[in-house]
Each structure stands twice: as structure tokens, then as C-alpha cells.
Protein backbone atom coordinates (compact mmCIF):
# COMPACT_ATOMS: atom_id res chain seq x y z
CA MET A 1 -5.99 -6.72 9.34
CA ARG A 2 -4.30 -8.41 6.39
CA MET A 3 -1.04 -10.27 6.77
CA ARG A 4 1.86 -8.26 5.35
CA VAL A 5 4.14 -10.34 3.13
CA TYR A 6 7.58 -9.18 2.03
CA ILE A 7 8.65 -10.32 -1.44
CA ALA A 8 12.33 -11.32 -1.69
CA GLY A 9 14.18 -12.26 -4.84
CA PRO A 10 17.00 -11.40 -7.20
CA ILE A 11 17.21 -7.86 -8.57
CA ASN A 12 20.83 -7.04 -9.37
CA GLY A 13 21.98 -8.72 -12.56
CA MET A 14 18.43 -9.46 -13.73
CA LEU A 15 16.76 -8.06 -16.85
CA ASN A 16 14.94 -4.87 -15.76
CA GLY A 17 15.82 -5.74 -12.19
CA ASN A 18 13.32 -8.62 -12.26
CA GLN A 19 10.52 -6.09 -11.80
CA GLU A 20 7.97 -8.19 -13.67
CA ALA A 21 8.43 -11.19 -11.35
CA PHE A 22 8.02 -8.96 -8.29
CA LYS A 23 4.90 -7.36 -9.79
CA LEU A 24 3.34 -10.73 -10.63
CA ARG A 25 4.04 -12.10 -7.15
CA ALA A 26 2.53 -8.97 -5.58
CA GLU A 27 -0.61 -9.47 -7.67
CA GLU A 28 -0.80 -13.15 -6.67
CA LEU A 29 -0.44 -12.31 -3.00
CA GLU A 30 -3.04 -9.54 -3.24
CA ALA A 31 -5.49 -11.96 -4.86
CA ARG A 32 -4.94 -14.36 -1.94
CA GLY A 33 -5.85 -11.64 0.56
CA TYR A 34 -2.34 -10.62 1.66
CA GLU A 35 -0.81 -7.16 1.71
CA PRO A 36 2.31 -7.53 -0.46
CA ILE A 37 5.39 -5.46 0.27
CA ASN A 38 7.39 -5.15 -2.93
CA PRO A 39 10.98 -3.89 -2.48
CA TRP A 40 10.61 -2.03 -5.77
CA ASP A 41 8.10 0.19 -3.94
CA VAL A 42 10.51 0.87 -1.05
CA PRO A 43 12.49 4.07 -1.67
CA PRO A 44 16.25 3.93 -1.06
CA ASP A 45 17.78 5.45 2.06
CA HIS A 46 18.77 9.09 1.66
CA ASP A 47 19.42 10.11 5.25
CA GLY A 48 23.11 9.42 4.82
CA PRO A 49 25.65 8.94 2.08
CA CYS A 50 25.18 6.14 -0.41
CA THR A 51 27.08 3.12 0.88
CA GLY A 52 27.92 -0.36 -0.28
CA ASP A 53 28.66 -1.90 -3.62
CA PRO A 54 27.27 -0.46 -6.86
CA VAL A 55 24.08 -1.90 -8.33
CA ASP A 56 23.53 -2.35 -12.04
CA HIS A 57 20.00 -0.92 -12.20
CA GLU A 58 20.73 2.48 -10.63
CA PRO A 59 23.61 4.86 -11.36
CA VAL A 60 23.24 6.98 -8.19
CA HIS A 61 22.30 4.70 -5.31
CA ARG A 62 24.37 1.85 -3.98
CA TYR A 63 23.56 -1.52 -2.46
CA GLY A 64 23.48 -0.21 1.11
CA CYS A 65 20.92 2.46 0.22
CA TYR A 66 18.46 -0.23 -0.78
CA MET A 67 19.21 -2.87 1.84
CA ARG A 68 18.78 -0.46 4.76
CA LYS A 69 15.23 0.36 3.77
CA ASP A 70 14.39 -3.13 2.50
CA LEU A 71 15.33 -4.65 5.86
CA GLU A 72 13.26 -2.01 7.64
CA ALA A 73 10.29 -2.92 5.43
CA LEU A 74 10.83 -6.63 6.07
CA MET A 75 10.71 -6.00 9.82
CA THR A 76 7.14 -4.64 9.45
CA CYS A 77 5.94 -7.85 7.81
CA ASP A 78 4.38 -11.07 9.09
CA ALA A 79 5.69 -13.43 6.39
CA ILE A 80 8.03 -13.66 3.41
CA SER A 81 7.51 -14.85 -0.15
CA LEU A 82 10.59 -15.98 -2.09
CA LEU A 83 10.91 -15.62 -5.85
CA ASP A 84 12.75 -18.14 -8.01
CA GLY A 85 16.48 -17.60 -7.81
CA TRP A 86 16.38 -15.98 -4.35
CA GLU A 87 19.18 -18.29 -3.16
CA ARG A 88 21.55 -16.70 -5.72
CA SER A 89 20.81 -13.17 -4.51
CA ARG A 90 22.95 -11.58 -1.79
CA GLY A 91 20.09 -9.40 -0.58
CA ALA A 92 17.37 -12.04 -0.72
CA THR A 93 19.49 -14.55 1.20
CA VAL A 94 19.94 -11.97 3.96
CA GLU A 95 16.21 -11.22 3.93
CA GLU A 96 15.36 -14.93 4.08
CA ALA A 97 17.76 -15.44 6.99
CA VAL A 98 16.26 -12.52 8.94
CA ALA A 99 12.73 -13.80 8.28
CA LYS A 100 13.74 -17.28 9.45
CA ILE A 101 15.34 -15.94 12.64
CA LEU A 102 12.16 -13.96 13.37
CA GLY A 103 9.99 -17.04 12.76
CA MET A 104 8.20 -15.60 9.75
CA PRO A 105 6.44 -18.22 7.64
CA GLN A 106 6.98 -18.46 3.89
CA VAL A 107 3.88 -17.97 1.75
């Protein structure tokens, strides 16, 4: 069974939501034998109303819609991989803190 690695990094405020950096990291992790979990592949939460602050890359969903599901995805992982600029991202800093509390290594 391959180690699942959650990719955390800045999205909001980045050109095209930083999708290219996430895609490249996923490819790198895959080549190293990991199973990458890219938040761009995690659908937003739709079981309840959209909550949280607006995001600049999506006119319908709000910050809470993404973070709910992203944190759920993170919880299924064994490790985390941090993109450049993660420390300036509200979401990625939360994801890094959760991963640290759970003892997940960084790869």
C-alpha cells in the first residue's frame, strides 16, 4: 500500500489558484512512489450551505466549503508535502498544524 501524501500550499490569491504547482508536486510524488492527494481534486462540501469567507477562484463556493473537505482528505493521509509559500496561506498553515499534531512527516 502506497503512502498517501496530502499537498498543501497557497491557492487563494495565486494565478490560476496555483494549480500548476499542485499538479507538478503531485507528479513528483507519484514518480517517487507516493499516492498524492491534491486539494484541487477534492470537491467542495455541498451537504450544507456555503460558509466562510469568499475565495477569488470560485464565485459560488466559499472558504468553508473547501476547508471542510480538504481537512477530511488530509485526515486520510500518512504525510504532508508543503508547496512554496504555504506559510502565507491561511488554509495551508491550518493543514500543516493538523499534520504536525498528528505526527505526519513532511515529504
